[in-house]
């Protein structure tokens, strides 16, 4: 067996396929943050919030245009054109469609922002508690 064959066999045996992980909902993320399941410092949290808020703002500004994806495009009256028009609508608005996913993001992102705010509060509380303990150790 050549070195290349051994390498390929080793690589193949180490490669695993994993199913996609389910993302946490905004509610679950808030519960995790409130239960101190995760924390984030002020600076990082502010940057995360800013990025998410920019996405929310962009969705809100463009929502009227995006909603047009849920209506049939004006095509001719031929059977093929009508099929394409309906297919376009169903693709955009079905369970995994772009419009459906954007609507979910529009609903979830504000909750993610609230979760990050809770995580920042948790981080600050833990830091203050640690600082208090350290201050208690210093000679008076």
C-alpha atoms as a PDB file:
ATOM      1  CA  UNK A   1       0.000   0.000   0.000  1.00  0.00           C
ATOM      2  CA  UNK A   2       1.430   3.387  -0.959  1.00  0.00           C
ATOM      3  CA  UNK A   3       1.808   6.300   1.449  1.00  0.00           C
ATOM      4  CA  UNK A   4      -0.885   8.180  -0.493  1.00  0.00           C
ATOM      5  CA  UNK A   5      -3.339   5.306  -0.078  1.00  0.00           C
ATOM      6  CA  UNK A   6      -2.636   5.116   3.651  1.00  0.00           C
ATOM      7  CA  UNK A   7      -3.125   8.896   3.971  1.00  0.00           C
ATOM      8  CA  UNK A   8      -6.381   8.796   2.001  1.00  0.00           C
ATOM      9  CA  UNK A   9      -7.658   5.894   4.106  1.00  0.00           C
ATOM     10  CA  UNK A  10      -6.735   7.695   7.332  1.00  0.00           C
ATOM     11  CA  UNK A  11      -8.419  10.880   6.160  1.00  0.00           C
ATOM     12  CA  UNK A  12     -11.575   9.003   5.153  1.00  0.00           C
ATOM     13  CA  UNK A  13     -11.775   7.212   8.479  1.00  0.00           C
ATOM     14  CA  UNK A  14     -11.468  10.524  10.366  1.00  0.00           C
ATOM     15  CA  UNK A  15     -14.088  12.333   8.312  1.00  0.00           C
ATOM     16  CA  UNK A  16     -17.491  12.343   9.934  1.00  0.00           C
ATOM     17  CA  UNK A  17     -20.700  13.817   8.688  1.00  0.00           C
ATOM     18  CA  UNK A  18     -22.781  15.572  11.282  1.00  0.00           C
ATOM     19  CA  UNK A  19     -26.349  16.724  11.039  1.00  0.00           C
ATOM     20  CA  UNK A  20     -26.897  20.482  11.128  1.00  0.00           C
ATOM     21  CA  UNK A  21     -27.341  21.774  14.653  1.00  0.00           C
ATOM     22  CA  UNK A  22     -30.612  23.420  15.604  1.00  0.00           C
ATOM     23  CA  UNK A  23     -30.148  27.081  16.409  1.00  0.00           C
ATOM     24  CA  UNK A  24     -31.387  28.472  19.704  1.00  0.00           C
ATOM     25  CA  UNK A  25     -34.470  30.631  19.553  1.00  0.00           C
ATOM     26  CA  UNK A  26     -34.343  34.125  20.978  1.00  0.00           C
ATOM     27  CA  UNK A  27     -36.368  32.956  23.969  1.00  0.00           C
ATOM     28  CA  UNK A  28     -33.966  30.061  24.635  1.00  0.00           C
ATOM     29  CA  UNK A  29     -30.976  32.365  24.311  1.00  0.00           C
ATOM     30  CA  UNK A  30     -32.516  34.836  26.782  1.00  0.00           C
ATOM     31  CA  UNK A  31     -33.185  32.004  29.245  1.00  0.00           C
ATOM     32  CA  UNK A  32     -29.590  30.873  28.870  1.00  0.00           C
ATOM     33  CA  UNK A  33     -28.280  34.398  29.482  1.00  0.00           C
ATOM     34  CA  UNK A  34     -30.583  34.993  32.455  1.00  0.00           C
ATOM     35  CA  UNK A  35     -29.474  31.685  33.963  1.00  0.00           C
ATOM     36  CA  UNK A  36     -25.822  32.722  33.543  1.00  0.00           C
ATOM     37  CA  UNK A  37     -25.384  30.090  30.843  1.00  0.00           C
ATOM     38  CA  UNK A  38     -23.374  32.615  28.902  1.00  0.00           C
ATOM     39  CA  UNK A  39     -22.047  36.082  29.506  1.00  0.00           C
ATOM     40  CA  UNK A  40     -20.412  38.717  27.372  1.00  0.00           C
ATOM     41  CA  UNK A  41     -18.352  41.757  28.242  1.00  0.00           C
ATOM     42  CA  UNK A  42     -19.640  45.280  27.579  1.00  0.00           C
ATOM     43  CA  UNK A  43     -17.517  46.058  24.512  1.00  0.00           C
ATOM     44  CA  UNK A  44     -18.122  42.764  22.749  1.00  0.00           C
ATOM     45  CA  UNK A  45     -21.804  42.819  23.643  1.00  0.00           C
ATOM     46  CA  UNK A  46     -22.190  46.345  22.298  1.00  0.00           C
ATOM     47  CA  UNK A  47     -20.578  45.339  19.003  1.00  0.00           C
ATOM     48  CA  UNK A  48     -22.811  42.292  18.722  1.00  0.00           C
ATOM     49  CA  UNK A  49     -25.905  44.364  19.458  1.00  0.00           C
ATOM     50  CA  UNK A  50     -24.889  47.009  16.945  1.00  0.00           C
ATOM     51  CA  UNK A  51     -24.394  44.408  14.208  1.00  0.00           C
ATOM     52  CA  UNK A  52     -27.726  42.726  14.934  1.00  0.00           C
ATOM     53  CA  UNK A  53     -29.530  46.063  15.168  1.00  0.00           C
ATOM     54  CA  UNK A  54     -28.164  47.074  11.773  1.00  0.00           C
ATOM     55  CA  UNK A  55     -29.632  43.900  10.286  1.00  0.00           C
ATOM     56  CA  UNK A  56     -32.994  44.554  11.973  1.00  0.00           C
ATOM     57  CA  UNK A  57     -32.990  48.135  10.704  1.00  0.00           C
ATOM     58  CA  UNK A  58     -32.142  47.032   7.148  1.00  0.00           C
ATOM     59  CA  UNK A  59     -34.949  44.462   7.197  1.00  0.00           C
ATOM     60  CA  UNK A  60     -37.418  47.045   8.475  1.00  0.00           C
ATOM     61  CA  UNK A  61     -36.373  49.607   5.869  1.00  0.00           C
ATOM     62  CA  UNK A  62     -36.650  47.095   3.030  1.00  0.00           C
ATOM     63  CA  UNK A  63     -39.601  45.056   4.246  1.00  0.00           C
ATOM     64  CA  UNK A  64     -42.160  46.519   1.818  1.00  0.00           C
ATOM     65  CA  UNK A  65     -39.868  45.631  -1.077  1.00  0.00           C
ATOM     66  CA  UNK A  66     -39.057  42.197   0.324  1.00  0.00           C
ATOM     67  CA  UNK A  67     -42.744  41.358   0.734  1.00  0.00           C
ATOM     68  CA  UNK A  68     -43.097  41.572  -3.031  1.00  0.00           C
ATOM     69  CA  UNK A  69     -41.290  38.232  -3.158  1.00  0.00           C
ATOM     70  CA  UNK A  70     -44.526  36.749  -1.839  1.00  0.00           C
ATOM     71  CA  UNK A  71     -46.539  37.901  -4.851  1.00  0.00           C
ATOM     72  CA  UNK A  72     -46.482  36.432  -8.327  1.00  0.00           C
ATOM     73  CA  UNK A  73     -44.259  38.334 -10.749  1.00  0.00           C
ATOM     74  CA  UNK A  74     -46.100  39.840 -13.730  1.00  0.00           C
ATOM     75  CA  UNK A  75     -45.407  37.345 -16.496  1.00  0.00           C
ATOM     76  CA  UNK A  76     -47.358  36.448 -19.598  1.00  0.00           C
ATOM     77  CA  UNK A  77     -50.529  34.371 -19.480  1.00  0.00           C
ATOM     78  CA  UNK A  78     -48.997  31.242 -20.964  1.00  0.00           C
ATOM     79  CA  UNK A  79     -49.166  28.089 -18.897  1.00  0.00           C
ATOM     80  CA  UNK A  80     -45.384  28.039 -18.542  1.00  0.00           C
ATOM     81  CA  UNK A  81     -45.201  31.664 -17.395  1.00  0.00           C
ATOM     82  CA  UNK A  82     -47.981  31.113 -14.869  1.00  0.00           C
ATOM     83  CA  UNK A  83     -46.239  27.992 -13.564  1.00  0.00           C
ATOM     84  CA  UNK A  84     -42.991  29.962 -13.176  1.00  0.00           C
ATOM     85  CA  UNK A  85     -44.834  32.798 -11.412  1.00  0.00           C
ATOM     86  CA  UNK A  86     -46.460  30.411  -8.930  1.00  0.00           C
ATOM     87  CA  UNK A  87     -43.212  28.522  -8.438  1.00  0.00           C
ATOM     88  CA  UNK A  88     -41.461  31.815  -7.675  1.00  0.00           C
ATOM     89  CA  UNK A  89     -44.022  32.644  -4.992  1.00  0.00           C
ATOM     90  CA  UNK A  90     -43.975  29.191  -3.431  1.00  0.00           C
ATOM     91  CA  UNK A  91     -40.173  29.121  -3.409  1.00  0.00           C
ATOM     92  CA  UNK A  92     -39.983  32.488  -1.664  1.00  0.00           C
ATOM     93  CA  UNK A  93     -42.758  31.851   0.826  1.00  0.00           C
ATOM     94  CA  UNK A  94     -42.589  28.125   1.610  1.00  0.00           C
ATOM     95  CA  UNK A  95     -41.218  26.807   4.916  1.00  0.00           C
ATOM     96  CA  UNK A  96     -37.584  27.243   3.912  1.00  0.00           C
ATOM     97  CA  UNK A  97     -38.106  30.133   1.497  1.00  0.00           C
ATOM     98  CA  UNK A  98     -36.193  33.377   1.595  1.00  0.00           C
ATOM     99  CA  UNK A  99     -39.164  35.485   2.667  1.00  0.00           C
ATOM    100  CA  UNK A 100     -40.072  33.002   5.392  1.00  0.00           C
ATOM    101  CA  UNK A 101     -36.512  32.960   6.715  1.00  0.00           C
ATOM    102  CA  UNK A 102     -36.255  36.757   6.643  1.00  0.00           C
ATOM    103  CA  UNK A 103     -39.530  37.023   8.562  1.00  0.00           C
ATOM    104  CA  UNK A 104     -38.154  34.630  11.198  1.00  0.00           C
ATOM    105  CA  UNK A 105     -34.974  36.689  11.440  1.00  0.00           C
ATOM    106  CA  UNK A 106     -37.037  39.844  11.783  1.00  0.00           C
ATOM    107  CA  UNK A 107     -38.834  38.267  14.754  1.00  0.00           C
ATOM    108  CA  UNK A 108     -35.847  36.557  16.390  1.00  0.00           C
ATOM    109  CA  UNK A 109     -33.094  39.170  16.111  1.00  0.00           C
ATOM    110  CA  UNK A 110     -34.661  41.606  18.632  1.00  0.00           C
ATOM    111  CA  UNK A 111     -34.834  38.722  21.104  1.00  0.00           C
ATOM    112  CA  UNK A 112     -31.168  37.934  20.451  1.00  0.00           C
ATOM    113  CA  UNK A 113     -30.379  41.562  21.218  1.00  0.00           C
ATOM    114  CA  UNK A 114     -32.255  41.276  24.518  1.00  0.00           C
ATOM    115  CA  UNK A 115     -30.363  38.064  25.305  1.00  0.00           C
ATOM    116  CA  UNK A 116     -27.042  39.813  24.723  1.00  0.00           C
ATOM    117  CA  UNK A 117     -28.132  42.661  27.011  1.00  0.00           C
ATOM    118  CA  UNK A 118     -28.954  40.079  29.693  1.00  0.00           C
ATOM    119  CA  UNK A 119     -25.587  38.389  29.102  1.00  0.00           C
ATOM    120  CA  UNK A 120     -23.835  41.753  29.515  1.00  0.00           C
ATOM    121  CA  UNK A 121     -25.675  42.341  32.815  1.00  0.00           C
ATOM    122  CA  UNK A 122     -24.676  38.869  33.990  1.00  0.00           C
ATOM    123  CA  UNK A 123     -21.066  39.493  33.060  1.00  0.00           C
ATOM    124  CA  UNK A 124     -21.042  42.812  34.933  1.00  0.00           C
ATOM    125  CA  UNK A 125     -22.616  41.224  38.027  1.00  0.00           C
ATOM    126  CA  UNK A 126     -20.055  38.409  38.083  1.00  0.00           C
ATOM    127  CA  UNK A 127     -17.207  40.882  37.560  1.00  0.00           C
ATOM    128  CA  UNK A 128     -18.480  43.069  40.402  1.00  0.00           C
ATOM    129  CA  UNK A 129     -18.782  40.045  42.688  1.00  0.00           C
ATOM    130  CA  UNK A 130     -15.226  38.970  41.869  1.00  0.00           C
ATOM    131  CA  UNK A 131     -13.961  42.502  42.382  1.00  0.00           C
ATOM    132  CA  UNK A 132     -15.690  42.607  45.763  1.00  0.00           C
ATOM    133  CA  UNK A 133     -14.014  39.374  46.799  1.00  0.00           C
ATOM    134  CA  UNK A 134     -10.628  40.659  45.641  1.00  0.00           C
ATOM    135  CA  UNK A 135     -11.135  43.911  47.496  1.00  0.00           C
ATOM    136  CA  UNK A 136     -11.916  41.884  50.635  1.00  0.00           C
ATOM    137  CA  UNK A 137      -8.572  40.111  50.307  1.00  0.00           C
ATOM    138  CA  UNK A 138      -6.483  43.259  50.176  1.00  0.00           C
ATOM    139  CA  UNK A 139      -4.906  44.484  53.410  1.00  0.00           C
ATOM    140  CA  UNK A 140      -6.742  47.355  55.029  1.00  0.00           C
END
